[in-house]
C-alpha atoms as a PDB file:
ATOM      1  CA  MET A   1     108.851  89.723 101.546  1.00  0.00           C
ATOM      2  CA  ALA A   2     107.547  92.207 103.382  1.00  0.00           C
ATOM      3  CA  ARG A   3     103.680  92.938 103.332  1.00  0.00           C
ATOM      4  CA  THR A   4     104.112  96.744 102.853  1.00  0.00           C
ATOM      5  CA  LEU A   5     106.771  98.324 100.201  1.00  0.00           C
ATOM      6  CA  THR A   6     106.816 102.165  99.529  1.00  0.00           C
ATOM      7  CA  LEU A   7     107.581 103.582  96.245  1.00  0.00           C
ATOM      8  CA  ARG A   8     108.079 107.207  95.029  1.00  0.00           C
ATOM      9  CA  PRO A   9     107.792 108.202  91.513  1.00  0.00           C
ATOM     10  CA  PRO A  10     109.834 111.321  90.061  1.00  0.00           C
ATOM     11  CA  ALA A  11     107.994 113.463  87.861  1.00  0.00           C
ATOM     12  CA  LYS A  12     108.906 114.487  84.473  1.00  0.00           C
ATOM     13  CA  ILE A  13     109.626 117.358  82.406  1.00  0.00           C
ATOM     14  CA  ASN A  14     109.909 117.704  78.580  1.00  0.00           C
ATOM     15  CA  TRP A  15     112.847 119.425  77.828  1.00  0.00           C
ATOM     16  CA  SER A  16     111.976 119.206  73.893  1.00  0.00           C
ATOM     17  CA  LEU A  17     108.555 117.839  72.235  1.00  0.00           C
ATOM     18  CA  ARG A  18     108.374 118.239  68.519  1.00  0.00           C
ATOM     19  CA  ILE A  19     105.504 116.309  66.926  1.00  0.00           C
ATOM     20  CA  GLY A  20     104.566 114.923  63.310  1.00  0.00           C
ATOM     21  CA  PRO A  21     101.483 114.515  61.717  1.00  0.00           C
ATOM     22  CA  ARG A  22      99.021 112.555  62.740  1.00  0.00           C
ATOM     23  CA  ARG A  23      99.335 108.858  61.954  1.00  0.00           C
ATOM     24  CA  GLU A  24      96.811 106.223  60.811  1.00  0.00           C
ATOM     25  CA  ASP A  25      96.443 104.997  63.993  1.00  0.00           C
ATOM     26  CA  GLY A  26      94.835 107.958  65.358  1.00  0.00           C
ATOM     27  CA  TYR A  27      98.176 108.882  67.333  1.00  0.00           C
ATOM     28  CA  HIS A  28     101.060 111.782  66.330  1.00  0.00           C
ATOM     29  CA  ASP A  29     104.802 110.611  65.549  1.00  0.00           C
ATOM     30  CA  VAL A  30     106.477 112.504  68.720  1.00  0.00           C
ATOM     31  CA  GLU A  31     110.504 112.820  69.739  1.00  0.00           C
ATOM     32  CA  THR A  32     110.720 114.319  73.244  1.00  0.00           C
ATOM     33  CA  ILE A  33     113.474 114.623  75.527  1.00  0.00           C
ATOM     34  CA  LEU A  34     112.239 113.968  78.905  1.00  0.00           C
ATOM     35  CA  GLN A  35     113.824 114.477  82.103  1.00  0.00           C
ATOM     36  CA  SER A  36     112.964 113.220  85.851  1.00  0.00           C
ATOM     37  CA  ILE A  37     112.735 115.767  88.472  1.00  0.00           C
ATOM     38  CA  ASP A  38     112.541 116.182  92.442  1.00  0.00           C
ATOM     39  CA  LEU A  39     108.786 116.274  92.688  1.00  0.00           C
ATOM     40  CA  SER A  40     106.787 112.593  93.758  1.00  0.00           C
ATOM     41  CA  ASP A  41     104.173 110.953  94.646  1.00  0.00           C
ATOM     42  CA  THR A  42     103.950 108.483  97.038  1.00  0.00           C
ATOM     43  CA  LEU A  43     102.450 104.880  96.622  1.00  0.00           C
ATOM     44  CA  VAL A  44     102.452 102.600  99.508  1.00  0.00           C
ATOM     45  CA  PHE A  45     101.550  99.248  98.587  1.00  0.00           C
ATOM     46  CA  THR A  46      99.770  96.271 101.375  1.00  0.00           C
ATOM     47  CA  ARG A  47      99.461  92.689 100.490  1.00  0.00           C
ATOM     48  CA  LYS A  48      95.453  92.899 101.690  1.00  0.00           C
ATOM     49  CA  ALA A  49      93.381  89.638 101.261  1.00  0.00           C
ATOM     50  CA  GLY A  50      90.079  90.994  99.196  1.00  0.00           C
ATOM     51  CA  PRO A  51      89.408  92.899  95.922  1.00  0.00           C
ATOM     52  CA  PHE A  52      92.218  94.904  94.645  1.00  0.00           C
ATOM     53  CA  SER A  53      91.654  98.486  96.003  1.00  0.00           C
ATOM     54  CA  LEU A  54      92.866 101.699  95.812  1.00  0.00           C
ATOM     55  CA  THR A  55      92.464 105.046  98.054  1.00  0.00           C
ATOM     56  CA  SER A  56      93.815 108.822  97.125  1.00  0.00           C
ATOM     57  CA  THR A  57      94.809 111.584  99.129  1.00  0.00           C
ATOM     58  CA  GLY A  58      93.952 113.854  96.145  1.00  0.00           C
ATOM     59  CA  ALA A  59      90.199 114.985  96.070  1.00  0.00           C
ATOM     60  CA  ASP A  60      90.443 115.275  92.192  1.00  0.00           C
ATOM     61  CA  VAL A  61      92.130 111.708  91.816  1.00  0.00           C
ATOM     62  CA  PRO A  62      88.981 109.060  90.600  1.00  0.00           C
ATOM     63  CA  VAL A  63      89.775 106.166  92.716  1.00  0.00           C
ATOM     64  CA  ASP A  64      88.012 104.108  90.374  1.00  0.00           C
ATOM     65  CA  GLU A  65      88.461 102.158  87.389  1.00  0.00           C
ATOM     66  CA  SER A  66      89.395 105.352  85.768  1.00  0.00           C
ATOM     67  CA  ASN A  67      92.850 105.527  87.660  1.00  0.00           C
ATOM     68  CA  LEU A  68      95.827 104.641  85.686  1.00  0.00           C
ATOM     69  CA  ILE A  69      96.910 103.091  88.869  1.00  0.00           C
ATOM     70  CA  TRP A  70      93.648 100.794  88.662  1.00  0.00           C
ATOM     71  CA  ARG A  71      94.557 100.022  84.992  1.00  0.00           C
ATOM     72  CA  ALA A  72      97.942  98.762  85.532  1.00  0.00           C
ATOM     73  CA  ALA A  73      96.740  96.905  88.098  1.00  0.00           C
ATOM     74  CA  ARG A  74      94.221  95.210  85.680  1.00  0.00           C
ATOM     75  CA  ALA A  75      97.129  94.859  82.839  1.00  0.00           C
ATOM     76  CA  LEU A  76      99.399  93.072  85.177  1.00  0.00           C
ATOM     77  CA  TRP A  77      96.740  90.830  86.517  1.00  0.00           C
ATOM     78  CA  THR A  78      95.911  90.429  82.956  1.00  0.00           C
ATOM     79  CA  ALA A  79      99.633  89.449  81.504  1.00  0.00           C
ATOM     80  CA  ALA A  80     100.381  87.067  84.404  1.00  0.00           C
ATOM     81  CA  GLY A  81      97.056  84.847  82.784  1.00  0.00           C
ATOM     82  CA  ARG A  82      94.835  85.676  85.268  1.00  0.00           C
ATOM     83  CA  THR A  83      91.065  85.968  84.241  1.00  0.00           C
ATOM     84  CA  ASP A  84      89.479  87.110  87.473  1.00  0.00           C
ATOM     85  CA  HIS A  85      89.102  90.976  88.745  1.00  0.00           C
ATOM     86  CA  PRO A  86      92.583  91.809  90.521  1.00  0.00           C
ATOM     87  CA  HIS A  87      92.480  91.046  94.403  1.00  0.00           C
ATOM     88  CA  ASP A  88      95.097  90.702  97.615  1.00  0.00           C
ATOM     89  CA  ALA A  89      96.443  93.755  97.193  1.00  0.00           C
ATOM     90  CA  HIS A  90      95.461  97.816  97.859  1.00  0.00           C
ATOM     91  CA  VAL A  91      97.096 101.450  97.330  1.00  0.00           C
ATOM     92  CA  LYS A  92      97.386 104.149  98.970  1.00  0.00           C
ATOM     93  CA  LEU A  93      97.942 107.294  96.918  1.00  0.00           C
ATOM     94  CA  THR A  94      99.583 110.482  98.284  1.00  0.00           C
ATOM     95  CA  LYS A  95      99.574 112.883  95.889  1.00  0.00           C
ATOM     96  CA  ALA A  96     102.407 115.858  95.362  1.00  0.00           C
ATOM     97  CA  ILE A  97     102.514 115.943  91.482  1.00  0.00           C
ATOM     98  CA  PRO A  98      99.456 118.419  89.809  1.00  0.00           C
ATOM     99  CA  VAL A  99      96.881 116.824  87.850  1.00  0.00           C
ATOM    100  CA  GLY A 100      96.416 118.098  84.185  1.00  0.00           C
ATOM    101  CA  ALA A 101      99.968 120.017  84.530  1.00  0.00           C
ATOM    102  CA  GLY A 102     101.781 117.572  81.776  1.00  0.00           C
ATOM    103  CA  LEU A 103     104.278 116.687  84.541  1.00  0.00           C
ATOM    104  CA  GLY A 104     103.067 112.887  84.285  1.00  0.00           C
ATOM    105  CA  GLY A 105     101.690 112.270  87.395  1.00  0.00           C
ATOM    106  CA  GLY A 106      99.354 109.483  86.052  1.00  0.00           C
ATOM    107  CA  SER A 107     101.626 107.839  83.981  1.00  0.00           C
ATOM    108  CA  ALA A 108     104.481 108.070  86.963  1.00  0.00           C
ATOM    109  CA  ASP A 109     102.085 106.322  89.644  1.00  0.00           C
ATOM    110  CA  ALA A 110     101.559 103.955  86.482  1.00  0.00           C
ATOM    111  CA  ALA A 111     104.764 103.069  86.454  1.00  0.00           C
ATOM    112  CA  ALA A 112     104.948 102.351  90.255  1.00  0.00           C
ATOM    113  CA  ALA A 113     101.969 100.311  90.107  1.00  0.00           C
ATOM    114  CA  LEU A 114     103.382  97.808  87.963  1.00  0.00           C
ATOM    115  CA  VAL A 115     106.575  97.566  89.606  1.00  0.00           C
ATOM    116  CA  GLY A 116     105.400  97.896  93.470  1.00  0.00           C
ATOM    117  CA  LEU A 117     102.561  95.086  92.493  1.00  0.00           C
ATOM    118  CA  ASN A 118     105.127  92.453  90.708  1.00  0.00           C
ATOM    119  CA  ALA A 119     106.376  92.250  93.663  1.00  0.00           C
ATOM    120  CA  ILE A 120     103.376  92.183  96.091  1.00  0.00           C
ATOM    121  CA  TRP A 121     102.069  89.439  93.462  1.00  0.00           C
ATOM    122  CA  HIS A 122     105.462  87.881  93.561  1.00  0.00           C
ATOM    123  CA  LEU A 123     105.155  88.029  89.711  1.00  0.00           C
ATOM    124  CA  LYS A 124     109.045  88.189  88.383  1.00  0.00           C
ATOM    125  CA  PHE A 125     108.132  90.287  85.689  1.00  0.00           C
ATOM    126  CA  SER A 126     111.478  91.814  83.777  1.00  0.00           C
ATOM    127  CA  PRO A 127     111.538  95.276  83.581  1.00  0.00           C
ATOM    128  CA  GLY A 128     111.331  95.270  79.746  1.00  0.00           C
ATOM    129  CA  VAL A 129     108.106  93.348  80.475  1.00  0.00           C
ATOM    130  CA  LEU A 130     106.830  95.681  82.917  1.00  0.00           C
ATOM    131  CA  ALA A 131     107.889  98.720  80.282  1.00  0.00           C
ATOM    132  CA  HIS A 132     106.012  96.673  77.814  1.00  0.00           C
ATOM    133  CA  ILE A 133     102.935  96.642  80.008  1.00  0.00           C
ATOM    134  CA  GLY A 134     103.261 100.505  80.924  1.00  0.00           C
ATOM    135  CA  ALA A 135     103.705 101.509  76.929  1.00  0.00           C
ATOM    136  CA  GLY A 136      99.900 100.048  76.655  1.00  0.00           C
ATOM    137  CA  LEU A 137      98.884 102.084  79.581  1.00  0.00           C
ATOM    138  CA  GLY A 138     100.537 105.604  77.933  1.00  0.00           C
ATOM    139  CA  ALA A 139     103.268 106.925  76.303  1.00  0.00           C
ATOM    140  CA  ASP A 140     105.131 108.278  78.657  1.00  0.00           C
ATOM    141  CA  VAL A 141     104.842 105.127  81.266  1.00  0.00           C
ATOM    142  CA  PRO A 142     107.793 103.082  80.070  1.00  0.00           C
ATOM    143  CA  PHE A 143     110.373 106.296  80.369  1.00  0.00           C
ATOM    144  CA  PHE A 144     109.439 106.449  84.245  1.00  0.00           C
ATOM    145  CA  MET A 145     111.162 103.002  84.177  1.00  0.00           C
ATOM    146  CA  THR A 146     114.290 104.226  82.736  1.00  0.00           C
ATOM    147  CA  GLY A 147     114.713 107.420  84.545  1.00  0.00           C
ATOM    148  CA  GLY A 148     117.210 110.778  84.185  1.00  0.00           C
ATOM    149  CA  THR A 149     117.692 111.842  80.687  1.00  0.00           C
ATOM    150  CA  ALA A 150     115.970 110.218  77.779  1.00  0.00           C
ATOM    151  CA  ILE A 151     114.422 110.576  74.279  1.00  0.00           C
ATOM    152  CA  GLY A 152     111.130 109.446  73.511  1.00  0.00           C
ATOM    153  CA  VAL A 153     110.137 108.397  70.026  1.00  0.00           C
ATOM    154  CA  GLY A 154     107.507 106.589  67.951  1.00  0.00           C
ATOM    155  CA  ARG A 155     104.148 107.802  70.032  1.00  0.00           C
ATOM    156  CA  GLY A 156     106.990 108.820  72.897  1.00  0.00           C
ATOM    157  CA  ASP A 157     106.556 105.129  74.218  1.00  0.00           C
ATOM    158  CA  ARG A 158     110.282 103.974  72.889  1.00  0.00           C
ATOM    159  CA  ILE A 159     112.758 105.257  74.933  1.00  0.00           C
ATOM    160  CA  TYR A 160     116.463 105.303  74.663  1.00  0.00           C
ATOM    161  CA  PRO A 161     118.628 106.624  77.752  1.00  0.00           C
ATOM    162  CA  LEU A 162     120.899 109.518  77.245  1.00  0.00           C
ATOM    163  CA  VAL A 163     123.461 111.647  79.270  1.00  0.00           C
ATOM    164  CA  ASP A 164     122.448 112.579  82.121  1.00  0.00           C
ATOM    165  CA  VAL A 165     121.874 116.386  81.542  1.00  0.00           C
ATOM    166  CA  LYS A 166     123.952 118.900  84.314  1.00  0.00           C
ATOM    167  CA  PRO A 167     122.281 119.391  87.683  1.00  0.00           C
ATOM    168  CA  MET A 168     119.725 122.407  87.750  1.00  0.00           C
ATOM    169  CA  GLY A 169     117.063 124.154  89.689  1.00  0.00           C
ATOM    170  CA  LEU A 170     114.191 124.606  88.817  1.00  0.00           C
ATOM    171  CA  VAL A 171     111.202 126.548  89.155  1.00  0.00           C
ATOM    172  CA  LEU A 172     107.723 125.120  88.236  1.00  0.00           C
ATOM    173  CA  ILE A 173     103.960 127.047  88.273  1.00  0.00           C
ATOM    174  CA  LYS A 174     101.109 125.497  87.463  1.00  0.00           C
ATOM    175  CA  PRO A 175      98.132 127.627  86.976  1.00  0.00           C
ATOM    176  CA  SER A 176      94.648 127.046  88.564  1.00  0.00           C
ATOM    177  CA  PHE A 177      93.565 125.272  85.115  1.00  0.00           C
ATOM    178  CA  GLY A 178      94.412 121.770  84.018  1.00  0.00           C
ATOM    179  CA  VAL A 179      95.114 120.999  80.146  1.00  0.00           C
ATOM    180  CA  ALA A 180      93.834 117.850  78.903  1.00  0.00           C
ATOM    181  CA  THR A 181      96.262 116.137  76.660  1.00  0.00           C
ATOM    182  CA  ALA A 182      93.857 115.289  73.861  1.00  0.00           C
ATOM    183  CA  ASP A 183      92.591 118.698  73.737  1.00  0.00           C
ATOM    184  CA  ALA A 184      96.183 119.993  73.222  1.00  0.00           C
ATOM    185  CA  TYR A 185      96.780 117.656  70.584  1.00  0.00           C
ATOM    186  CA  ARG A 186      93.478 118.386  68.893  1.00  0.00           C
ATOM    187  CA  TRP A 187      94.496 122.512  69.293  1.00  0.00           C
ATOM    188  CA  LEU A 188      97.540 121.673  67.380  1.00  0.00           C
ATOM    189  CA  ASP A 189      95.748 119.984  63.655  1.00  0.00           C
ATOM    190  CA  GLU A 190      93.429 122.854  63.981  1.00  0.00           C
ATOM    191  CA  ASP A 191      96.130 126.172  63.908  1.00  0.00           C
ATOM    192  CA  THR A 192      98.783 123.637  61.885  1.00  0.00           C
ATOM    193  CA  ALA A 193      95.955 123.276  59.486  1.00  0.00           C
ATOM    194  CA  ALA A 194      94.702 127.008  59.571  1.00  0.00           C
ATOM    195  CA  GLN A 195      98.225 128.461  59.986  1.00  0.00           C
ATOM    196  CA  PRO A 196     101.690 126.595  60.867  1.00  0.00           C
ATOM    197  CA  ALA A 197     103.194 128.167  63.639  1.00  0.00           C
ATOM    198  CA  PRO A 198     107.025 128.130  64.409  1.00  0.00           C
ATOM    199  CA  SER A 199     107.646 126.663  68.103  1.00  0.00           C
ATOM    200  CA  ALA A 200     109.357 129.047  70.147  1.00  0.00           C
ATOM    201  CA  CYS A 201     112.964 127.812  71.311  1.00  0.00           C
ATOM    202  CA  ALA A 202     115.749 128.582  73.432  1.00  0.00           C
ATOM    203  CA  ASP A 203     119.551 127.247  74.345  1.00  0.00           C
ATOM    204  CA  LEU A 204     120.520 126.385  77.464  1.00  0.00           C
ATOM    205  CA  PRO A 205     124.946 126.801  76.464  1.00  0.00           C
ATOM    206  CA  SER A 206     125.778 124.543  79.302  1.00  0.00           C
ATOM    207  CA  GLY A 207     123.128 121.995  79.600  1.00  0.00           C
ATOM    208  CA  TRP A 208     124.888 119.302  78.463  1.00  0.00           C
ATOM    209  CA  PRO A 209     128.237 118.039  79.511  1.00  0.00           C
ATOM    210  CA  ALA A 210     129.085 118.689  76.168  1.00  0.00           C
ATOM    211  CA  GLY A 211     126.784 121.023  74.913  1.00  0.00           C
ATOM    212  CA  SER A 212     124.012 123.585  74.770  1.00  0.00           C
ATOM    213  CA  LEU A 213     120.457 121.852  75.457  1.00  0.00           C
ATOM    214  CA  HIS A 214     118.103 122.707  73.303  1.00  0.00           C
ATOM    215  CA  ILE A 215     114.205 123.540  74.740  1.00  0.00           C
ATOM    216  CA  LEU A 216     111.210 123.967  72.440  1.00  0.00           C
ATOM    217  CA  ASN A 217     107.853 122.395  72.556  1.00  0.00           C
ATOM    218  CA  ASP A 218     105.817 122.029  69.331  1.00  0.00           C
ATOM    219  CA  LEU A 219     102.107 122.143  71.709  1.00  0.00           C
ATOM    220  CA  GLN A 220     103.083 125.360  73.680  1.00  0.00           C
ATOM    221  CA  ALA A 221     101.648 127.784  70.811  1.00  0.00           C
ATOM    222  CA  PRO A 222      98.794 126.234  70.418  1.00  0.00           C
ATOM    223  CA  VAL A 223      98.019 126.171  74.046  1.00  0.00           C
ATOM    224  CA  THR A 224      98.629 129.398  74.644  1.00  0.00           C
ATOM    225  CA  ARG A 225      96.625 130.560  72.325  1.00  0.00           C
ATOM    226  CA  ARG A 226      93.707 129.104  74.400  1.00  0.00           C
ATOM    227  CA  HIS A 227      94.889 129.507  77.360  1.00  0.00           C
ATOM    228  CA  PRO A 228      97.729 132.961  77.477  1.00  0.00           C
ATOM    229  CA  GLN A 229      98.060 132.596  81.029  1.00  0.00           C
ATOM    230  CA  VAL A 230     100.600 130.330  79.760  1.00  0.00           C
ATOM    231  CA  GLN A 231     102.837 132.424  78.225  1.00  0.00           C
ATOM    232  CA  GLU A 232     102.235 134.983  81.178  1.00  0.00           C
ATOM    233  CA  ALA A 233     103.956 132.499  83.097  1.00  0.00           C
ATOM    234  CA  ILE A 234     106.626 131.822  80.942  1.00  0.00           C
ATOM    235  CA  ASP A 235     107.102 135.690  80.416  1.00  0.00           C
ATOM    236  CA  ALA A 236     107.336 135.994  84.529  1.00  0.00           C
ATOM    237  CA  LEU A 237     109.662 133.436  84.943  1.00  0.00           C
ATOM    238  CA  ARG A 238     112.204 135.137  82.609  1.00  0.00           C
ATOM    239  CA  ARG A 239     111.477 138.365  84.232  1.00  0.00           C
ATOM    240  CA  GLU A 240     112.782 136.708  87.216  1.00  0.00           C
ATOM    241  CA  GLY A 241     116.137 135.698  85.600  1.00  0.00           C
ATOM    242  CA  ALA A 242     115.233 132.498  83.902  1.00  0.00           C
ATOM    243  CA  LEU A 243     117.832 130.944  82.059  1.00  0.00           C
ATOM    244  CA  ALA A 244     115.100 129.387  80.077  1.00  0.00           C
ATOM    245  CA  ALA A 245     111.106 128.868  80.108  1.00  0.00           C
ATOM    246  CA  ALA A 246     109.085 126.526  78.746  1.00  0.00           C
ATOM    247  CA  MET A 247     105.276 124.674  78.843  1.00  0.00           C
ATOM    248  CA  THR A 248     106.093 121.220  79.947  1.00  0.00           C
ATOM    249  CA  GLY A 249     104.505 118.340  77.871  1.00  0.00           C
ATOM    250  CA  SER A 250     100.515 119.370  77.008  1.00  0.00           C
ATOM    251  CA  GLY A 251     100.291 121.476  80.235  1.00  0.00           C
ATOM    252  CA  SER A 252      99.143 123.608  81.855  1.00  0.00           C
ATOM    253  CA  ALA A 253     102.608 123.617  84.278  1.00  0.00           C
ATOM    254  CA  ILE A 254     105.869 125.787  82.506  1.00  0.00           C
ATOM    255  CA  PHE A 255     109.197 125.421  84.132  1.00  0.00           C
ATOM    256  CA  GLY A 256     111.920 127.795  84.386  1.00  0.00           C
ATOM    257  CA  VAL A 257     115.916 126.699  84.870  1.00  0.00           C
ATOM    258  CA  PHE A 258     117.234 128.432  87.448  1.00  0.00           C
ATOM    259  CA  GLN A 259     120.817 128.548  89.412  1.00  0.00           C
ATOM    260  CA  SER A 260     119.816 127.061  92.942  1.00  0.00           C
ATOM    261  CA  ALA A 261     120.079 129.580  94.836  1.00  0.00           C
ATOM    262  CA  ALA A 262     118.434 131.944  92.118  1.00  0.00           C
ATOM    263  CA  ALA A 263     115.326 129.442  92.027  1.00  0.00           C
ATOM    264  CA  LEU A 264     114.621 129.987  95.513  1.00  0.00           C
ATOM    265  CA  ARG A 265     114.509 134.016  94.952  1.00  0.00           C
ATOM    266  CA  ALA A 266     112.438 133.915  92.308  1.00  0.00           C
ATOM    267  CA  ALA A 267     110.269 131.650  93.673  1.00  0.00           C
ATOM    268  CA  ARG A 268     109.343 133.732  96.212  1.00  0.00           C
ATOM    269  CA  ARG A 269     108.631 136.298  93.912  1.00  0.00           C
ATOM    270  CA  LEU A 270     106.196 134.463  91.999  1.00  0.00           C
ATOM    271  CA  ARG A 271     103.912 133.684  94.909  1.00  0.00           C
ATOM    272  CA  ARG A 272     100.618 134.763  93.855  1.00  0.00           C
ATOM    273  CA  ARG A 273      97.323 133.197  94.709  1.00  0.00           C
ATOM    274  CA  ASP A 274      96.048 131.748  91.322  1.00  0.00           C
ATOM    275  CA  TRP A 275      99.673 129.814  90.630  1.00  0.00           C
ATOM    276  CA  LEU A 276     100.992 126.673  92.547  1.00  0.00           C
ATOM    277  CA  VAL A 277     105.166 127.508  92.535  1.00  0.00           C
ATOM    278  CA  VAL A 278     107.336 124.775  93.224  1.00  0.00           C
ATOM    279  CA  VAL A 279     111.134 124.955  93.428  1.00  0.00           C
ATOM    280  CA  THR A 280     112.879 121.773  92.582  1.00  0.00           C
ATOM    281  CA  ARG A 281     115.613 120.037  90.768  1.00  0.00           C
ATOM    282  CA  THR A 282     116.518 117.634  87.929  1.00  0.00           C
ATOM    283  CA  LEU A 283     117.308 113.810  88.643  1.00  0.00           C
ATOM    284  CA  THR A 284     119.778 111.445  87.260  1.00  0.00           C
ATOM    285  CA  ARG A 285     118.714 108.377  86.156  1.00  0.00           C
ATOM    286  CA  ALA A 286     120.518 106.886  88.904  1.00  0.00           C
ATOM    287  CA  GLN A 287     118.319 109.451  91.467  1.00  0.00           C
ATOM    288  CA  ALA A 288     115.390 108.212  89.566  1.00  0.00           C
ATOM    289  CA  ARG A 289     115.432 104.437  89.629  1.00  0.00           C
ATOM    290  CA  ARG A 290     116.265 104.541  93.489  1.00  0.00           C
ATOM    291  CA  ARG A 291     112.729 106.131  94.217  1.00  0.00           C
ATOM    292  CA  LEU A 292     111.384 102.959  92.772  1.00  0.00           C
ATOM    293  CA  THR A 293     113.391 100.466  93.983  1.00  0.00           C
ATOM    294  CA  LEU A 294     112.046  97.904  96.400  1.00  0.00           C
END
């Protein structure tokens, strides 16, 4: 095979995120509907003699063993029965998915690393085995090997494909701060113990091919209490005509659903110094999978 290959794993949003009580293992039961979107990092894999190495264009992205790409490499190497340090591969990461946004950039990169290194190292693991390895790295990782529209249950790592939603235009707003997933869940637990609050929700009447798409996020309220800028962005998207707007994942990014032409107009009016504003769209499962196809 070629000594170099390139993969472009797409980001995700959560149409819905329902969170149950904390389990004995420290995780929460989750039910979430995930969606691939047209925003991708780029990973270039090169078969190269010497220790495994990683470089990145993102100044805020670590390139040591704390990076999920590094962790994916080690997990794959270990699954292959190898006991030494990973070697004979270099990965160059070009970031486009914002960090700390709830868009799944790190998990998408980990999924791409498993696919790319499986090929570079000639391991021939099946997609099912790669997804199993990925679940040990992060709950979202198996979703990126499925793509499109899917439901995640358990910790969010048991993924079942759904019929793709209708094509939609999206405007993303990423405030100047990020939110750590652990913090968002801790805030939810604190707020639930003090005074449970209902989740904000909205319906897209024609989201599914055969019905309404229900949009809600149980983490939105606790994050918004600590970061009112999240609600400010949601309100701004709605004023610009968003059919629905909500926080994705644990934040801090917010998405608004628009008709395609309206998305471009809204994005121009929403631009400001402390917001990263991105116009994008949903991807079908076939479109998402092509970005992880060798």
